[in-house]
Amino acid sequence: MTKFNVISADSHVVEPGDLWTKYMEPAFKERAPYCVREGENDVFKAEGVSLIQVAAVSGAGRPSDQLKSMGSYEKDSRPGAWDPNARIEDMEADGVEAEVIYPSVALRMFGISDLPYQLACFRAYNSWLADFVKVHPDLFRGIGLVPIDDIEAAVTELHRCKEIGLGGISVTVNPTEGLHYDNPVYYPLWAAAESNDMPVSLHILTERRFKLKTGLDSLVGQVLDPGAIQECLTRMIFSGVFVKYPGLKVVSAENDIGWAGYFVERMDYLFDRRRAFQKWVIPQETNPSEYVKRNCFLTFMRDRAGILVRDIIGVDNIMWSSDYPHLDSTWPNSQKMIEYLCGDIPAEDRRKIVAENAARLYGFD
């Protein structure tokens, strides 16, 4: 049993404006992503990609009618988003004792097509994040960014992430068209993740083929966001990735969990009823849902539907998160949200969901 009562399995930093200008390696120093003040807004810029901006990845605790997409660090973001000591104060106010930490601005850097430049941006972010989590190593687990187009480079960076003290890696939720995560080209990365005990996250907003949508198109896209993670997991399960790498752990990050009840039931049904038409790679005696329960972890914030089907998904592999300091965050009312979600379920299930599963996966104890 973990010593922690509440762990957020998916929180974020808002990268400081000088992160890349300070941490970028010399060969790419002149091309480093940077932040510039335009009017009253702090605006991040990088070659070949449209980045998420400061205000759009802030907003925790603000009423819905006060949220905005552009703004500044001073007016729109909390110091705890980039200052590890200020962060502890916000965590204490929210009743959250430990966190797994993802990027914000850098999420969109999976869309950079210049591969050496992308790797340099990732390496700079990973080095900064390692310094961030070192301030409170017992309370933070940082998730590094790893490219997928150069697998040798990806494996090398995974090893470096492990060496500098990060707790896992993140790859894009949308791999190359026609080259999905069931392809053997990715096997060395899965093998390295398994042998180094580094969970692999597939986080929302890490699309490589991102296209800005507005109005109804934007809302429809956000409602249907979990489709990308469903495709990734389905391909990995049915292709036998988790048979070949039984110790590999994959995390669905910020895709919620309510859909997963039907998802696992649908996979099991098709596995049985389509066997006359399909030659399965995975063993006939093991239902696809078993790989979800053994190899897949899923984070959520405010998903009561998922709590109601937790036994179908697997109560040992769902993890609550606060999403601090993003606009969808439950901060500073996380305790009220946890009570709403889990107040009427057995105490053992509640502890697993809000603390123990994350502690076990990321080695907090």
Protein backbone atom coordinates (compact mmCIF):
# COMPACT_ATOMS: atom_id res chain seq x y z
CA MET A 1 0.00 0.00 0.00
CA THR A 2 1.35 3.41 -0.95
CA LYS A 3 2.02 6.12 1.62
CA PHE A 4 0.22 8.61 -0.63
CA ASN A 5 -3.51 9.20 -0.44
CA VAL A 6 -3.91 11.13 -3.71
CA ILE A 7 -1.66 11.02 -6.79
CA SER A 8 -2.47 12.85 -10.00
CA ALA A 9 -1.49 10.51 -12.82
CA ASP A 10 -1.61 13.30 -15.42
CA SER A 11 -0.59 16.84 -14.53
CA HIS A 12 1.38 19.36 -16.58
CA VAL A 13 3.99 22.06 -16.56
CA VAL A 14 3.67 25.22 -18.58
CA GLU A 15 7.14 25.52 -20.03
CA PRO A 16 8.97 28.76 -19.13
CA GLY A 17 9.57 31.11 -22.04
CA ASP A 18 13.35 30.61 -21.99
CA LEU A 19 13.34 26.80 -21.72
CA TRP A 20 14.58 26.07 -25.23
CA THR A 21 16.89 29.07 -25.53
CA LYS A 22 18.64 27.84 -22.37
CA TYR A 23 18.58 24.07 -22.87
CA MET A 24 18.86 23.63 -26.67
CA GLU A 25 22.09 21.93 -27.72
CA PRO A 26 24.66 24.15 -29.50
CA ALA A 27 24.01 22.85 -33.03
CA PHE A 28 20.39 24.04 -32.83
CA LYS A 29 20.77 27.00 -30.48
CA GLU A 30 19.97 29.58 -33.15
CA ARG A 31 16.79 27.69 -34.08
CA ALA A 32 15.55 27.23 -30.53
CA PRO A 33 11.80 27.72 -29.96
CA TYR A 34 11.23 30.97 -28.10
CA CYS A 35 8.57 33.06 -26.41
CA VAL A 36 7.96 36.68 -27.39
CA ARG A 37 5.61 39.33 -25.98
CA GLU A 38 3.09 40.48 -28.58
CA GLY A 39 0.88 43.17 -27.11
CA GLU A 40 -0.39 41.65 -23.86
CA ASN A 41 0.26 38.05 -24.95
CA ASP A 42 3.22 35.72 -24.43
CA VAL A 43 3.51 33.80 -27.69
CA PHE A 44 5.59 30.68 -28.30
CA LYS A 45 7.09 30.15 -31.74
CA ALA A 46 8.97 27.25 -33.32
CA GLU A 47 9.90 26.23 -36.83
CA GLY A 48 7.37 24.20 -38.78
CA VAL A 49 4.66 23.90 -36.15
CA SER A 50 1.85 25.90 -34.54
CA LEU A 51 2.27 25.65 -30.77
CA ILE A 52 -0.31 25.76 -27.99
CA GLN A 53 -0.08 29.10 -26.20
CA VAL A 54 0.35 29.99 -22.54
CA ALA A 55 -3.23 30.99 -21.69
CA ALA A 56 -4.68 28.00 -23.55
CA VAL A 57 -2.76 25.60 -21.30
CA SER A 58 -3.60 27.51 -18.12
CA GLY A 59 -6.93 28.45 -16.61
CA ALA A 60 -7.11 26.10 -13.62
CA GLY A 61 -9.70 27.36 -11.16
CA ARG A 62 -11.20 29.94 -13.52
CA PRO A 63 -14.91 30.10 -14.35
CA SER A 64 -15.78 28.99 -17.87
CA ASP A 65 -16.63 32.49 -19.02
CA GLN A 66 -13.14 33.73 -18.07
CA LEU A 67 -11.13 31.21 -20.08
CA LYS A 68 -9.15 32.39 -23.09
CA SER A 69 -6.69 31.11 -25.67
CA MET A 70 -4.16 33.96 -25.57
CA GLY A 71 -2.60 35.70 -22.60
CA SER A 72 0.51 36.07 -20.47
CA TYR A 73 2.37 34.22 -17.75
CA GLU A 74 1.74 36.98 -15.22
CA LYS A 75 -2.01 37.29 -15.75
CA ASP A 76 -3.09 33.86 -16.91
CA SER A 77 -0.85 31.11 -15.53
CA ARG A 78 0.06 30.01 -12.04
CA PRO A 79 3.73 30.10 -10.94
CA GLY A 80 3.38 26.47 -9.88
CA ALA A 81 3.17 25.58 -13.55
CA TRP A 82 6.92 26.17 -13.95
CA ASP A 83 8.24 26.63 -10.40
CA PRO A 84 8.45 23.30 -8.52
CA ASN A 85 8.35 24.93 -5.09
CA ALA A 86 5.34 27.09 -5.89
CA ARG A 87 3.74 23.97 -7.29
CA ILE A 88 3.91 22.22 -3.92
CA GLU A 89 1.79 25.00 -2.43
CA ASP A 90 -0.89 24.50 -5.09
CA MET A 91 -0.80 20.74 -4.60
CA GLU A 92 -1.29 21.15 -0.85
CA ALA A 93 -4.23 23.47 -1.45
CA ASP A 94 -5.77 20.81 -3.70
CA GLY A 95 -5.04 17.79 -1.50
CA VAL A 96 -2.79 16.22 -4.14
CA GLU A 97 0.39 14.71 -2.72
CA ALA A 98 2.31 13.55 -5.81
CA GLU A 99 2.11 14.00 -9.57
CA VAL A 100 3.02 12.50 -12.92
CA ILE A 101 4.04 15.45 -15.09
CA TYR A 102 3.55 16.00 -18.84
CA PRO A 103 4.35 19.01 -21.06
CA SER A 104 1.98 21.65 -22.42
CA VAL A 105 3.51 23.78 -25.19
CA ALA A 106 5.70 20.86 -26.26
CA LEU A 107 2.73 18.56 -26.88
CA ARG A 108 2.42 20.01 -30.38
CA MET A 109 6.12 19.48 -31.15
CA PHE A 110 5.28 15.96 -32.33
CA GLY A 111 4.14 17.80 -35.47
CA ILE A 112 7.66 19.01 -36.34
CA SER A 113 8.73 17.33 -39.59
CA ASP A 114 12.45 18.20 -39.39
CA LEU A 115 13.52 15.13 -37.43
CA PRO A 116 16.94 16.25 -36.08
CA TYR A 117 15.36 19.56 -35.02
CA GLN A 118 12.44 17.75 -33.36
CA LEU A 119 14.82 15.50 -31.45
CA ALA A 120 16.81 18.53 -30.29
CA CYS A 121 13.60 20.18 -29.05
CA PHE A 122 12.63 17.00 -27.20
CA ARG A 123 16.06 16.58 -25.65
CA ALA A 124 16.02 20.17 -24.40
CA TYR A 125 12.58 19.73 -22.85
CA ASN A 126 13.56 16.41 -21.27
CA SER A 127 16.68 17.92 -19.71
CA TRP A 128 14.71 20.85 -18.28
CA LEU A 129 12.02 18.52 -16.92
CA ALA A 130 14.65 16.34 -15.25
CA ASP A 131 15.93 19.42 -13.43
CA PHE A 132 12.36 20.31 -12.46
CA VAL A 133 11.52 16.94 -10.90
CA LYS A 134 14.87 16.72 -9.09
CA VAL A 135 13.70 19.49 -6.76
CA HIS A 136 11.12 17.09 -5.25
CA PRO A 137 12.09 13.63 -6.55
CA ASP A 138 9.81 11.75 -4.16
CA LEU A 139 6.74 13.69 -5.31
CA PHE A 140 7.23 14.10 -9.07
CA ARG A 141 7.55 11.69 -11.98
CA GLY A 142 8.39 13.41 -15.25
CA ILE A 143 7.37 12.01 -18.65
CA GLY A 144 9.94 12.59 -21.40
CA LEU A 145 9.24 13.12 -25.09
CA VAL A 146 10.59 10.64 -27.65
CA PRO A 147 10.39 10.74 -31.47
CA ILE A 148 9.22 7.75 -33.51
CA ASP A 149 10.63 8.26 -37.01
CA ASP A 150 14.18 7.33 -36.06
CA ILE A 151 13.86 4.31 -33.79
CA GLU A 152 17.56 4.18 -32.96
CA ALA A 153 17.38 7.80 -31.80
CA ALA A 154 14.16 7.04 -29.94
CA VAL A 155 15.73 4.16 -28.04
CA THR A 156 18.78 6.27 -27.23
CA GLU A 157 16.61 9.08 -25.87
CA LEU A 158 14.53 6.61 -23.85
CA HIS A 159 17.72 5.38 -22.18
CA ARG A 160 18.78 8.98 -21.52
CA CYS A 161 15.38 9.78 -20.00
CA LYS A 162 15.85 6.87 -17.63
CA GLU A 163 19.38 7.97 -16.74
CA ILE A 164 18.40 11.58 -15.95
CA GLY A 165 15.59 10.49 -13.66
CA LEU A 166 12.40 10.68 -15.71
CA GLY A 167 9.63 8.18 -14.97
CA GLY A 168 8.37 7.33 -18.46
CA ILE A 169 8.17 8.50 -22.05
CA SER A 170 5.48 9.88 -24.34
CA VAL A 171 5.11 9.22 -28.07
CA THR A 172 2.58 10.59 -30.53
CA VAL A 173 -0.95 9.21 -30.41
CA ASN A 174 -1.04 9.41 -34.23
CA PRO A 175 1.91 7.54 -35.77
CA THR A 176 2.83 7.75 -39.44
CA GLU A 177 0.02 7.08 -41.92
CA GLY A 178 0.22 3.41 -42.89
CA LEU A 179 2.86 2.69 -40.23
CA HIS A 180 1.01 1.99 -37.01
CA TYR A 181 2.29 0.79 -33.64
CA ASP A 182 1.67 -2.84 -34.56
CA ASN A 183 4.52 -2.60 -37.11
CA PRO A 184 7.75 -4.45 -36.21
CA VAL A 185 9.73 -1.28 -36.89
CA TYR A 186 8.70 -0.15 -33.40
CA TYR A 187 9.72 -3.37 -31.65
CA PRO A 188 13.11 -2.02 -30.48
CA LEU A 189 11.33 0.87 -28.76
CA TRP A 190 8.85 -1.44 -27.04
CA ALA A 191 11.71 -3.73 -26.00
CA ALA A 192 13.65 -0.82 -24.53
CA ALA A 193 10.61 0.47 -22.68
CA GLU A 194 9.95 -2.98 -21.26
CA SER A 195 13.54 -3.66 -20.18
CA ASN A 196 13.93 -0.21 -18.61
CA ASP A 197 10.52 -0.32 -16.90
CA MET A 198 9.49 2.92 -18.61
CA PRO A 199 5.73 3.27 -19.24
CA VAL A 200 4.89 4.61 -22.70
CA SER A 201 2.22 7.32 -22.76
CA LEU A 202 -0.13 8.16 -25.60
CA HIS A 203 -1.37 11.61 -24.60
CA ILE A 204 -4.16 13.61 -26.14
CA LEU A 205 -3.04 16.59 -28.30
CA THR A 206 0.13 14.87 -29.52
CA GLU A 207 -1.16 14.48 -33.06
CA ARG A 208 1.40 14.74 -35.85
CA ARG A 209 -1.15 15.70 -38.47
CA PHE A 210 -2.89 18.38 -36.42
CA LYS A 211 -5.16 20.72 -38.34
CA LEU A 212 -6.70 23.71 -36.59
CA LYS A 213 -10.47 23.44 -36.49
CA THR A 214 -12.98 26.07 -35.46
CA GLY A 215 -16.62 26.26 -34.49
CA LEU A 216 -18.64 23.07 -34.62
CA ASP A 217 -15.80 21.15 -36.28
CA SER A 218 -13.59 21.86 -33.28
CA LEU A 219 -16.22 20.74 -30.79
CA VAL A 220 -17.00 17.55 -32.72
CA GLY A 221 -13.29 16.73 -32.88
CA GLN A 222 -12.89 17.17 -29.13
CA VAL A 223 -15.90 14.96 -28.39
CA LEU A 224 -14.39 12.22 -30.57
CA ASP A 225 -10.80 12.57 -29.33
CA PRO A 226 -10.63 9.07 -27.75
CA GLY A 227 -10.85 7.49 -31.21
CA ALA A 228 -7.10 7.85 -31.74
CA ILE A 229 -6.14 5.99 -28.58
CA GLN A 230 -8.68 3.27 -29.31
CA GLU A 231 -7.04 2.60 -32.67
CA CYS A 232 -3.57 2.48 -31.13
CA LEU A 233 -4.56 0.03 -28.40
CA THR A 234 -6.63 -2.18 -30.72
CA ARG A 235 -3.74 -2.56 -33.16
CA MET A 236 -1.20 -3.25 -30.43
CA ILE A 237 -3.43 -5.83 -28.75
CA PHE A 238 -4.57 -7.79 -31.81
CA SER A 239 -1.13 -7.74 -33.46
CA GLY A 240 0.45 -9.43 -30.45
CA VAL A 241 2.66 -6.57 -29.25
CA PHE A 242 1.80 -7.40 -25.64
CA VAL A 243 2.39 -11.10 -26.27
CA LYS A 244 5.90 -10.34 -27.50
CA TYR A 245 6.51 -7.75 -24.77
CA PRO A 246 4.44 -8.85 -21.77
CA GLY A 247 6.11 -6.33 -19.46
CA LEU A 248 5.37 -3.33 -21.69
CA LYS A 249 3.08 -0.75 -20.05
CA VAL A 250 1.13 1.69 -22.22
CA VAL A 251 -0.73 4.66 -20.75
CA SER A 252 -3.77 6.30 -22.30
CA ALA A 253 -3.31 9.83 -20.97
CA GLU A 254 -6.18 12.32 -20.73
CA ASN A 255 -8.44 10.31 -23.03
CA ASP A 256 -10.86 9.53 -20.17
CA ILE A 257 -12.21 6.02 -19.55
CA GLY A 258 -16.00 5.80 -19.98
CA TRP A 259 -15.57 4.48 -23.52
CA ALA A 260 -13.28 1.69 -22.33
CA GLY A 261 -16.08 -0.46 -20.89
CA TYR A 262 -17.68 -0.94 -24.27
CA PHE A 263 -14.26 -1.04 -25.94
CA VAL A 264 -13.06 -4.13 -24.08
CA GLU A 265 -16.42 -5.89 -24.42
CA ARG A 266 -16.44 -5.22 -28.16
CA MET A 267 -12.92 -6.58 -28.60
CA ASP A 268 -13.74 -9.76 -26.70
CA TYR A 269 -16.94 -10.27 -28.67
CA LEU A 270 -15.23 -9.88 -32.05
CA PHE A 271 -12.34 -12.09 -30.92
CA ASP A 272 -14.84 -14.88 -30.39
CA ARG A 273 -17.32 -14.31 -33.21
CA ARG A 274 -14.84 -13.51 -36.00
CA ARG A 275 -12.45 -16.40 -35.48
CA ALA A 276 -13.85 -18.17 -38.53
CA PHE A 277 -12.83 -15.21 -40.71
CA GLN A 278 -9.61 -14.07 -39.03
CA LYS A 279 -6.36 -15.79 -38.13
CA TRP A 280 -5.58 -14.31 -34.74
CA VAL A 281 -1.98 -13.68 -33.72
CA ILE A 282 -2.78 -13.62 -30.01
CA PRO A 283 -3.46 -16.91 -28.20
CA GLN A 284 -7.04 -18.17 -28.43
CA GLU A 285 -7.20 -18.78 -24.69
CA THR A 286 -6.55 -15.12 -23.82
CA ASN A 287 -9.25 -12.52 -24.43
CA PRO A 288 -8.13 -9.08 -25.67
CA SER A 289 -9.51 -7.53 -22.48
CA GLU A 290 -6.83 -9.37 -20.52
CA TYR A 291 -4.12 -7.36 -22.28
CA VAL A 292 -5.91 -4.16 -21.35
CA LYS A 293 -5.93 -5.22 -17.71
CA ARG A 294 -2.30 -6.39 -17.78
CA ASN A 295 -0.59 -3.87 -20.04
CA CYS A 296 -2.72 -0.75 -20.35
CA PHE A 297 -3.36 2.07 -17.90
CA LEU A 298 -5.92 4.81 -18.46
CA THR A 299 -6.14 8.26 -16.87
CA PHE A 300 -9.24 10.39 -16.40
CA MET A 301 -10.36 13.53 -14.58
CA ARG A 302 -14.15 13.74 -14.23
CA ASP A 303 -15.54 10.56 -15.76
CA ARG A 304 -18.32 9.12 -13.61
CA ALA A 305 -19.34 6.79 -16.45
CA GLY A 306 -15.93 5.16 -16.26
CA ILE A 307 -16.24 4.64 -12.51
CA LEU A 308 -19.54 2.83 -13.05
CA VAL A 309 -17.91 0.34 -15.47
CA ARG A 310 -14.60 0.08 -13.60
CA ASP A 311 -14.90 -3.68 -13.12
CA ILE A 312 -15.22 -4.21 -16.87
CA ILE A 313 -12.20 -2.03 -17.60
CA GLY A 314 -10.15 -3.31 -14.69
CA VAL A 315 -10.02 -1.37 -11.43
CA ASP A 316 -6.27 -2.00 -11.14
CA ASN A 317 -5.39 0.04 -14.20
CA ILE A 318 -7.45 3.24 -14.12
CA MET A 319 -5.89 6.34 -12.58
CA TRP A 320 -7.40 9.65 -11.57
CA SER A 321 -5.68 12.91 -12.51
CA SER A 322 -6.13 16.62 -11.84
CA ASP A 323 -4.74 17.94 -15.16
CA TYR A 324 -3.23 20.88 -13.25
CA PRO A 325 -2.80 23.67 -14.38
CA HIS A 326 -4.84 23.30 -17.58
CA LEU A 327 -8.26 24.81 -18.15
CA ASP A 328 -9.88 21.35 -17.75
CA SER A 329 -8.19 20.86 -14.39
CA THR A 330 -10.11 19.92 -11.26
CA TRP A 331 -7.82 22.24 -9.23
CA PRO A 332 -8.52 23.59 -6.62
CA ASN A 333 -11.58 21.37 -6.11
CA SER A 334 -10.03 17.95 -6.67
CA GLN A 335 -11.22 16.58 -3.34
CA LYS A 336 -14.83 17.43 -4.20
CA MET A 337 -14.39 15.81 -7.61
CA ILE A 338 -12.90 12.64 -6.12
CA GLU A 339 -15.78 12.44 -3.66
CA TYR A 340 -18.30 12.85 -6.48
CA LEU A 341 -16.59 10.17 -8.55
CA CYS A 342 -15.71 7.67 -5.85
CA GLY A 343 -17.70 8.55 -2.76
CA ASP A 344 -20.04 5.58 -3.08
CA ILE A 345 -17.59 2.86 -4.17
CA PRO A 346 -15.61 0.49 -1.92
CA ALA A 347 -12.68 2.13 -0.15
CA GLU A 348 -10.25 -0.38 -1.68
CA ASP A 349 -11.33 0.59 -5.21
CA ARG A 350 -11.11 4.26 -4.38
CA ARG A 351 -7.56 3.98 -3.08
CA LYS A 352 -6.44 2.10 -6.17
CA ILE A 353 -7.93 4.68 -8.51
CA VAL A 354 -6.72 7.83 -6.76
CA ALA A 355 -3.30 6.64 -5.56
CA GLU A 356 -2.20 3.02 -5.55
CA ASN A 357 -2.33 2.28 -9.29
CA ALA A 358 -0.19 5.30 -10.14
CA ALA A 359 2.19 4.56 -7.27
CA ARG A 360 2.69 1.02 -8.52
CA LEU A 361 3.14 1.99 -12.16
CA TYR A 362 5.60 4.82 -11.54
CA GLY A 363 7.36 3.50 -8.45
CA PHE A 364 6.46 6.34 -6.11
CA ASP A 365 7.26 4.20 -3.07
